[in-house]
C-alpha cells in the first residue's frame, strides 16, 4: 500500500471536493429533489435500522496499549499471559510486527461505545442507495474496467460492501439519522480496542474466540475462502466463522475496514491526545485496519497493522481503481449499551496450547 505524502494536508480544492462528495453521498431524496422513498423502501430502511441496533457489541470504557505490544512484554508476562496494564514499561524486547508505524505502543483510554458485530454488506448498502436515490453500487457500466472488477466482488448480498471512505462515512451518518443514534465510523483507537477485547496479552494476538487463529475453525483455510468467494479472489460473506469474545466477526482476514482517522506514519510517536485519540487533524489518506482475504496464514499481532488509502478514490496508471477490498462497520458513540445488545466481558485468557480442548 502506498503510504507516502501522508503528512501533507490536502489543498483547498481537494478539501472542497471531499466535502462535496460527502454531502452528495449523504444527501436524502428531499435534498436532491427526488421522489420520497416508496413504502417498500421505507420498510427496508426500518428493517435495516432495527437490525443495526440489535447487532451491536458494547465496549466498556477503559484503557489499553495502542499499537504493537511486543516491546512491553517481559518474560513473566509471556509466561503467565497476564494482561498488559498501564504500569507496563518498555523492555527492549522485540516487537511482534515489522511495521514502523504502529510503534511505540501508547497507553490510551476510551469512553464506552458500541460497535457493529458484522461488516456492512452490499445488501445493507442497497437500502441506503435506494433510500437516497443514489446510483447503484458497485458502479455500473464497463468503463473503467474497475467497475467490472467491483461488480465481480459482489459475491452475494451478505458480502462486505466495498466502498470508498466517503461512502462509508456517509452511510454511518445516514444510519444515525434514521435511527436517532450517534452512529459514526470508528476511530482507529476504537477499532483496535474492540479487536483486542479491551486488553492485550501474549496469548491473544488475534480477534477471535480464543485469541489465536485456527484455520478451518475460527479462520478460513485457503480452500474455504475459494469456496466462499466462488474462486473470485474477493471478499467472502460475513459471519461464517466464530466471532471474537466481544461477538465481532471478520475483524481480520476478510478485507480492510475504514476508520475515521487521517493516516500519518508517526502518529504514535507524536500522539498528544491519549483520551479518545482521534489521529492527526489533517492528512491525505485515511487509515484502514484488518487484512486482505488472500494473504498467507496471518501471524503476530495482525490487529495492530495499519494501512492507508485515499478517501474519495484513486487511480493507477491513469485508470480508476476499485475499492472492492475495503469495507467498514459503524460504532454508536454513547456510553450506555442499547437494550438487547451484547454486553458481556471478554472472558478468561486462554493459553493456545495448554488450554486447547482435548480431541
Protein backbone atom coordinates (compact mmCIF):
# COMPACT_ATOMS: atom_id res chain seq x y z
CA UNK A 1 0.00 0.00 0.00
CA UNK A 2 1.35 3.40 -0.91
CA UNK A 3 1.58 5.44 2.26
CA UNK A 4 3.80 8.34 1.18
CA UNK A 5 2.95 12.02 1.42
CA UNK A 6 0.62 11.22 4.29
CA UNK A 7 1.55 14.29 6.28
CA UNK A 8 0.80 16.78 3.52
CA UNK A 9 -2.57 18.48 4.07
CA UNK A 10 -4.96 18.42 1.12
CA UNK A 11 -5.17 21.55 -0.98
CA UNK A 12 -8.23 23.80 -0.52
CA UNK A 13 -9.59 22.47 -3.82
CA UNK A 14 -9.22 18.90 -2.64
CA UNK A 15 -10.91 19.69 0.69
CA UNK A 16 -13.80 21.20 -1.26
CA UNK A 17 -14.05 18.09 -3.44
CA UNK A 18 -14.06 15.80 -0.42
CA UNK A 19 -16.67 17.88 1.38
CA UNK A 20 -18.86 17.95 -1.69
CA UNK A 21 -18.56 14.19 -2.12
CA UNK A 22 -19.60 13.56 1.48
CA UNK A 23 -22.54 15.92 1.10
CA UNK A 24 -23.62 14.29 -2.13
CA UNK A 25 -23.29 10.75 -0.77
CA UNK A 26 -25.16 11.60 2.40
CA UNK A 27 -27.94 13.68 0.93
CA UNK A 28 -31.50 12.36 1.10
CA UNK A 29 -34.17 12.31 -1.56
CA UNK A 30 -35.66 15.62 -0.45
CA UNK A 31 -32.32 17.38 -0.88
CA UNK A 32 -31.89 16.02 -4.40
CA UNK A 33 -35.47 16.73 -5.40
CA UNK A 34 -36.17 13.03 -5.99
CA UNK A 35 -39.44 11.43 -5.01
CA UNK A 36 -39.85 10.33 -1.40
CA UNK A 37 -38.94 6.69 -0.76
CA UNK A 38 -41.73 4.22 -1.54
CA UNK A 39 -43.46 2.24 1.16
CA UNK A 40 -41.35 -0.77 0.19
CA UNK A 41 -38.11 1.17 0.51
CA UNK A 42 -39.23 2.70 3.80
CA UNK A 43 -39.97 -0.78 5.14
CA UNK A 44 -36.46 -1.88 4.14
CA UNK A 45 -35.00 1.17 5.90
CA UNK A 46 -36.90 0.38 9.09
CA UNK A 47 -35.79 -3.26 8.98
CA UNK A 48 -32.16 -2.20 8.48
CA UNK A 49 -32.39 0.30 11.32
CA UNK A 50 -33.80 -2.35 13.65
CA UNK A 51 -31.17 -5.00 12.94
CA UNK A 52 -28.41 -2.39 13.04
CA UNK A 53 -29.45 -1.52 16.59
CA UNK A 54 -29.61 -5.16 17.62
CA UNK A 55 -26.35 -6.44 16.11
CA UNK A 56 -24.07 -4.37 18.31
CA UNK A 57 -21.46 -5.24 20.92
CA UNK A 58 -20.95 -2.87 23.81
CA UNK A 59 -17.35 -1.95 24.62
CA UNK A 60 -16.93 -0.71 28.22
CA UNK A 61 -14.82 2.34 28.97
CA UNK A 62 -11.22 1.58 29.76
CA UNK A 63 -7.60 1.75 28.70
CA UNK A 64 -5.19 -0.36 26.67
CA UNK A 65 -1.88 -0.23 24.82
CA UNK A 66 -2.48 1.07 21.31
CA UNK A 67 -0.01 -0.43 18.85
CA UNK A 68 2.44 -3.34 18.82
CA UNK A 69 2.81 -4.54 22.45
CA UNK A 70 5.95 -6.60 21.87
CA UNK A 71 8.40 -4.07 23.39
CA UNK A 72 6.34 -4.15 26.63
CA UNK A 73 6.34 -7.93 27.07
CA UNK A 74 8.55 -9.21 29.87
CA UNK A 75 9.34 -12.91 30.20
CA UNK A 76 6.94 -13.08 33.15
CA UNK A 77 4.12 -11.55 31.10
CA UNK A 78 4.83 -14.04 28.32
CA UNK A 79 4.88 -16.98 30.72
CA UNK A 80 1.67 -16.06 32.53
CA UNK A 81 -0.29 -14.49 29.70
CA UNK A 82 -1.18 -11.61 32.01
CA UNK A 83 -2.94 -8.57 30.63
CA UNK A 84 -0.75 -5.55 29.97
CA UNK A 85 -1.68 -2.73 32.33
CA UNK A 86 -0.79 0.98 32.36
CA UNK A 87 2.23 0.29 34.55
CA UNK A 88 4.00 -1.71 31.80
CA UNK A 89 7.39 -0.37 30.73
CA UNK A 90 9.37 -0.60 27.51
CA UNK A 91 11.72 -3.56 27.93
CA UNK A 92 13.79 -3.64 24.76
CA UNK A 93 12.17 -6.94 23.80
CA UNK A 94 11.50 -7.42 20.08
CA UNK A 95 8.20 -6.29 18.55
CA UNK A 96 5.61 -8.70 17.19
CA UNK A 97 5.37 -6.93 13.82
CA UNK A 98 7.93 -5.47 11.42
CA UNK A 99 5.90 -2.31 10.78
CA UNK A 100 7.31 1.03 11.88
CA UNK A 101 4.03 2.98 12.00
CA UNK A 102 2.45 1.09 14.93
CA UNK A 103 5.22 1.92 17.40
CA UNK A 104 5.88 2.86 20.10
CA UNK A 105 2.88 1.41 21.94
CA UNK A 106 0.90 4.12 23.74
CA UNK A 107 -1.43 3.79 26.70
CA UNK A 108 -4.77 5.35 25.76
CA UNK A 109 -8.21 5.47 27.35
CA UNK A 110 -11.62 5.44 25.70
CA UNK A 111 -15.17 6.21 26.68
CA UNK A 112 -17.67 3.38 26.30
CA UNK A 113 -19.26 2.80 22.90
CA UNK A 114 -20.90 0.05 20.86
CA UNK A 115 -19.69 -1.43 17.57
CA UNK A 116 -21.43 -3.39 14.85
CA UNK A 117 -20.77 -7.12 15.06
CA UNK A 118 -20.78 -7.54 11.28
CA UNK A 119 -19.32 -5.53 8.45
CA UNK A 120 -21.85 -3.55 6.43
CA UNK A 121 -22.85 -5.71 3.46
CA UNK A 122 -23.87 -4.95 -0.10
CA UNK A 123 -27.43 -5.82 0.91
CA UNK A 124 -27.28 -3.22 3.68
CA UNK A 125 -25.75 -0.66 1.36
CA UNK A 126 -28.51 -1.29 -1.20
CA UNK A 127 -31.03 0.05 1.30
CA UNK A 128 -29.02 3.24 1.78
CA UNK A 129 -28.71 3.64 -2.00
CA UNK A 130 -32.44 3.13 -2.57
CA UNK A 131 -33.47 5.43 0.28
CA UNK A 132 -31.34 8.26 -1.06
CA UNK A 133 -31.90 7.70 -4.80
CA UNK A 134 -28.17 7.22 -5.38
CA UNK A 135 -26.55 5.45 -8.35
CA UNK A 136 -26.33 1.65 -8.00
CA UNK A 137 -23.32 0.29 -6.18
CA UNK A 138 -20.97 -1.25 -7.24
CA UNK A 139 -20.72 1.17 -10.20
CA UNK A 140 -22.41 0.07 -13.40
CA UNK A 141 -21.01 0.14 -16.94
CA UNK A 142 -17.85 -1.42 -18.28
CA UNK A 143 -15.68 1.70 -18.26
CA UNK A 144 -13.42 2.00 -16.43
CA UNK A 145 -12.53 -1.69 -16.12
CA UNK A 146 -12.51 -1.31 -12.34
CA UNK A 147 -16.33 -1.16 -12.47
CA UNK A 148 -16.38 -4.74 -13.76
CA UNK A 149 -13.97 -5.84 -11.03
CA UNK A 150 -16.08 -4.10 -8.41
CA UNK A 151 -19.27 -5.83 -9.61
CA UNK A 152 -17.42 -9.16 -9.62
CA UNK A 153 -16.61 -8.58 -5.94
CA UNK A 154 -20.29 -8.70 -5.05
CA UNK A 155 -20.45 -12.44 -4.45
CA UNK A 156 -23.75 -12.16 -2.59
CA UNK A 157 -25.91 -9.67 -0.71
CA UNK A 158 -24.09 -10.56 2.52
CA UNK A 159 -20.61 -9.91 1.14
CA UNK A 160 -18.87 -6.93 2.80
CA UNK A 161 -19.64 -3.77 0.83
CA UNK A 162 -16.50 -2.49 -0.88
CA UNK A 163 -16.73 1.29 -0.68
CA UNK A 164 -14.67 4.46 -0.55
CA UNK A 165 -14.15 6.20 2.77
CA UNK A 166 -16.54 8.94 1.61
CA UNK A 167 -19.28 6.36 1.06
CA UNK A 168 -18.64 4.64 4.39
CA UNK A 169 -18.70 7.95 6.26
CA UNK A 170 -21.95 8.97 4.57
CA UNK A 171 -23.61 5.60 5.29
CA UNK A 172 -22.86 5.77 9.03
CA UNK A 173 -24.10 9.36 9.18
CA UNK A 174 -27.32 8.35 7.38
CA UNK A 175 -27.78 5.36 9.70
CA UNK A 176 -27.50 7.75 12.63
CA UNK A 177 -30.19 9.92 11.07
CA UNK A 178 -32.68 7.08 10.55
CA UNK A 179 -32.07 5.51 13.99
CA UNK A 180 -31.69 8.68 16.02
CA UNK A 181 -28.41 7.30 17.43
CA UNK A 182 -24.86 8.72 17.15
CA UNK A 183 -23.60 6.25 14.53
CA UNK A 184 -20.19 7.03 13.01
CA UNK A 185 -17.13 5.33 11.62
CA UNK A 186 -14.90 4.08 14.45
CA UNK A 187 -11.71 5.89 15.25
CA UNK A 188 -8.56 3.86 14.77
CA UNK A 189 -8.24 3.50 18.55
CA UNK A 190 -11.86 2.32 18.87
CA UNK A 191 -11.36 -0.30 16.16
CA UNK A 192 -8.21 -1.71 17.77
CA UNK A 193 -9.68 -1.57 21.28
CA UNK A 194 -12.66 -3.63 20.15
CA UNK A 195 -10.46 -6.03 18.14
CA UNK A 196 -8.26 -6.63 21.18
CA UNK A 197 -11.24 -7.14 23.51
CA UNK A 198 -10.04 -4.17 25.50
CA UNK A 199 -6.76 -5.80 26.52
CA UNK A 200 -3.56 -7.30 25.14
CA UNK A 201 -1.78 -10.45 26.27
CA UNK A 202 0.95 -12.63 24.82
CA UNK A 203 -1.58 -15.37 24.13
CA UNK A 204 -4.24 -13.29 22.38
CA UNK A 205 -2.76 -11.79 19.21
CA UNK A 206 -5.91 -12.18 17.09
CA UNK A 207 -9.55 -11.00 17.38
CA UNK A 208 -11.06 -14.49 17.57
CA UNK A 209 -12.99 -16.53 20.12
CA UNK A 210 -9.78 -17.78 21.75
CA UNK A 211 -7.30 -15.07 20.75
CA UNK A 212 -5.48 -17.10 18.11
CA UNK A 213 -6.16 -18.11 14.50
CA UNK A 214 -7.12 -21.72 13.92
CA UNK A 215 -7.54 -22.40 10.23
CA UNK A 216 -10.68 -24.32 9.43
CA UNK A 217 -12.38 -23.46 12.72
CA UNK A 218 -12.31 -19.75 13.58
CA UNK A 219 -10.43 -18.63 10.46
CA UNK A 220 -10.92 -19.95 6.92
CA UNK A 221 -8.49 -22.18 5.11
CA UNK A 222 -7.45 -21.27 1.59
CA UNK A 223 -9.88 -23.89 0.28
CA UNK A 224 -12.74 -22.49 2.36
CA UNK A 225 -12.05 -18.99 1.07
CA UNK A 226 -12.14 -20.21 -2.53
CA UNK A 227 -15.47 -21.94 -1.90
CA UNK A 228 -16.98 -18.92 -0.10
CA UNK A 229 -15.94 -16.31 -2.66
CA UNK A 230 -16.58 -18.62 -5.64
CA UNK A 231 -12.89 -18.64 -6.55
CA UNK A 232 -13.04 -14.95 -7.37
CA UNK A 233 -10.19 -13.80 -5.16
CA UNK A 234 -12.59 -11.32 -3.50
CA UNK A 235 -14.08 -10.94 -0.03
CA UNK A 236 -16.34 -13.68 1.30
CA UNK A 237 -19.75 -13.48 3.03
CA UNK A 238 -19.82 -12.21 6.62
CA UNK A 239 -20.39 -14.17 9.81
CA UNK A 240 -19.32 -17.62 8.58
CA UNK A 241 -16.85 -18.29 11.39
CA UNK A 242 -16.94 -17.93 15.20
CA UNK A 243 -16.72 -14.31 16.37
CA UNK A 244 -14.32 -12.78 18.86
CA UNK A 245 -15.06 -12.77 22.57
CA UNK A 246 -16.92 -9.50 22.02
CA UNK A 247 -19.00 -11.24 19.31
CA UNK A 248 -17.31 -9.38 16.45
CA UNK A 249 -16.98 -11.24 13.15
CA UNK A 250 -14.32 -10.96 10.43
CA UNK A 251 -12.08 -8.42 12.13
CA UNK A 252 -9.05 -9.76 10.22
CA UNK A 253 -8.70 -11.81 7.07
CA UNK A 254 -11.76 -10.62 5.15
CA UNK A 255 -10.50 -7.34 3.78
CA UNK A 256 -9.71 -3.95 5.26
CA UNK A 257 -12.02 -1.65 7.22
CA UNK A 258 -12.18 2.14 7.15
CA UNK A 259 -11.68 4.25 10.26
CA UNK A 260 -12.22 7.94 10.92
CA UNK A 261 -8.56 8.85 11.26
CA UNK A 262 -6.18 10.53 8.86
CA UNK A 263 -3.03 8.47 8.39
CA UNK A 264 0.44 9.54 9.45
CA UNK A 265 3.43 7.19 9.87
CA UNK A 266 4.46 8.86 13.14
CA UNK A 267 1.00 9.08 14.76
CA UNK A 268 2.02 7.07 17.84
CA UNK A 269 5.31 8.91 18.26
CA UNK A 270 3.62 12.32 18.28
CA UNK A 271 0.36 11.35 20.00
CA UNK A 272 -0.76 14.03 22.47
CA UNK A 273 -4.45 13.21 22.92
CA UNK A 274 -4.41 9.94 24.87
CA UNK A 275 -8.10 10.00 25.91
CA UNK A 276 -10.34 9.20 22.95
CA UNK A 277 -7.48 9.78 20.48
CA UNK A 278 -8.67 10.79 17.02
CA UNK A 279 -5.44 10.86 15.00
CA UNK A 280 -3.94 13.79 13.07
CA UNK A 281 -6.08 16.86 12.37
CA UNK A 282 -5.49 16.55 8.62
CA UNK A 283 -3.84 14.36 6.04
CA UNK A 284 -4.18 12.83 2.60
CA UNK A 285 -5.07 9.18 3.26
CA UNK A 286 -7.43 7.56 5.74
CA UNK A 287 -6.45 4.67 8.00
CA UNK A 288 -7.62 1.16 7.19
CA UNK A 289 -7.47 -1.77 9.61
CA UNK A 290 -7.76 -5.51 9.07
CA UNK A 291 -6.01 -7.65 6.45
CA UNK A 292 -6.52 -8.96 2.89
CA UNK A 293 -8.51 -12.10 2.22
CA UNK A 294 -5.88 -14.00 0.27
CA UNK A 295 -2.92 -13.20 2.49
CA UNK A 296 -0.90 -16.20 3.63
CA UNK A 297 -1.56 -17.51 7.13
CA UNK A 298 -1.69 -14.45 9.36
CA UNK A 299 0.86 -14.27 12.17
CA UNK A 300 1.65 -11.92 15.03
CA UNK A 301 -0.49 -9.08 16.33
CA UNK A 302 -2.21 -8.51 12.99
CA UNK A 303 -4.88 -6.39 14.70
CA UNK A 304 -2.25 -3.67 15.19
CA UNK A 305 -1.29 -3.37 11.50
CA UNK A 306 -2.13 -0.09 9.74
CA UNK A 307 -2.64 0.67 6.06
CA UNK A 308 -4.00 3.75 4.30
CA UNK A 309 -5.78 4.81 1.14
CA UNK A 310 -7.21 7.93 -0.45
CA UNK A 311 -10.71 8.53 0.93
CA UNK A 312 -12.52 9.58 -2.25
CA UNK A 313 -10.97 7.11 -4.73
CA UNK A 314 -7.68 6.76 -6.52
CA UNK A 315 -6.15 5.89 -9.87
CA UNK A 316 -3.32 3.66 -11.02
CA UNK A 317 -1.51 4.47 -14.26
CA UNK A 318 -4.34 6.83 -15.12
CA UNK A 319 -7.15 4.32 -14.56
CA UNK A 320 -9.66 4.36 -11.68
CA UNK A 321 -9.11 1.70 -9.03
CA UNK A 322 -11.97 -0.26 -7.47
CA UNK A 323 -12.24 -0.25 -3.68
CA UNK A 324 -13.67 -3.75 -3.59
CA UNK A 325 -11.40 -4.99 -0.77
CA UNK A 326 -12.16 -2.37 1.88
CA UNK A 327 -15.44 -2.31 3.78
CA UNK A 328 -16.48 -0.91 7.15
CA UNK A 329 -18.59 -1.16 10.27
CA UNK A 330 -20.08 1.67 12.33
CA UNK A 331 -19.98 2.48 16.04
CA UNK A 332 -22.54 4.13 18.32
CA UNK A 333 -20.84 6.83 20.37
CA UNK A 334 -22.91 6.73 23.52
CA UNK A 335 -21.82 5.24 26.86
CA UNK A 336 -24.89 3.12 27.64
CA UNK A 337 -25.49 -0.13 25.74
CA UNK A 338 -28.66 -0.43 23.71
CA UNK A 339 -31.20 -2.90 25.10
CA UNK A 340 -30.72 -6.37 23.66
CA UNK A 341 -27.13 -5.89 22.51
CA UNK A 342 -24.14 -7.94 23.60
CA UNK A 343 -22.67 -6.55 26.81
CA UNK A 344 -20.69 -9.42 28.37
CA UNK A 345 -16.98 -9.08 29.08
CA UNK A 346 -14.21 -10.65 27.01
CA UNK A 347 -13.82 -13.81 29.11
CA UNK A 348 -10.71 -15.50 30.53
CA UNK A 349 -7.30 -15.64 28.92
CA UNK A 350 -6.83 -18.93 27.05
CA UNK A 351 -3.37 -20.45 26.59
CA UNK A 352 -3.33 -21.63 22.93
CA UNK A 353 -1.54 -24.90 23.77
CA UNK A 354 -2.09 -25.69 27.45
CA UNK A 355 -5.84 -24.99 27.37
CA UNK A 356 -6.60 -26.42 23.93
CA UNK A 357 -9.74 -28.62 24.08
CA UNK A 358 -8.96 -32.34 24.04
CA UNK A 359 -9.91 -34.10 20.75
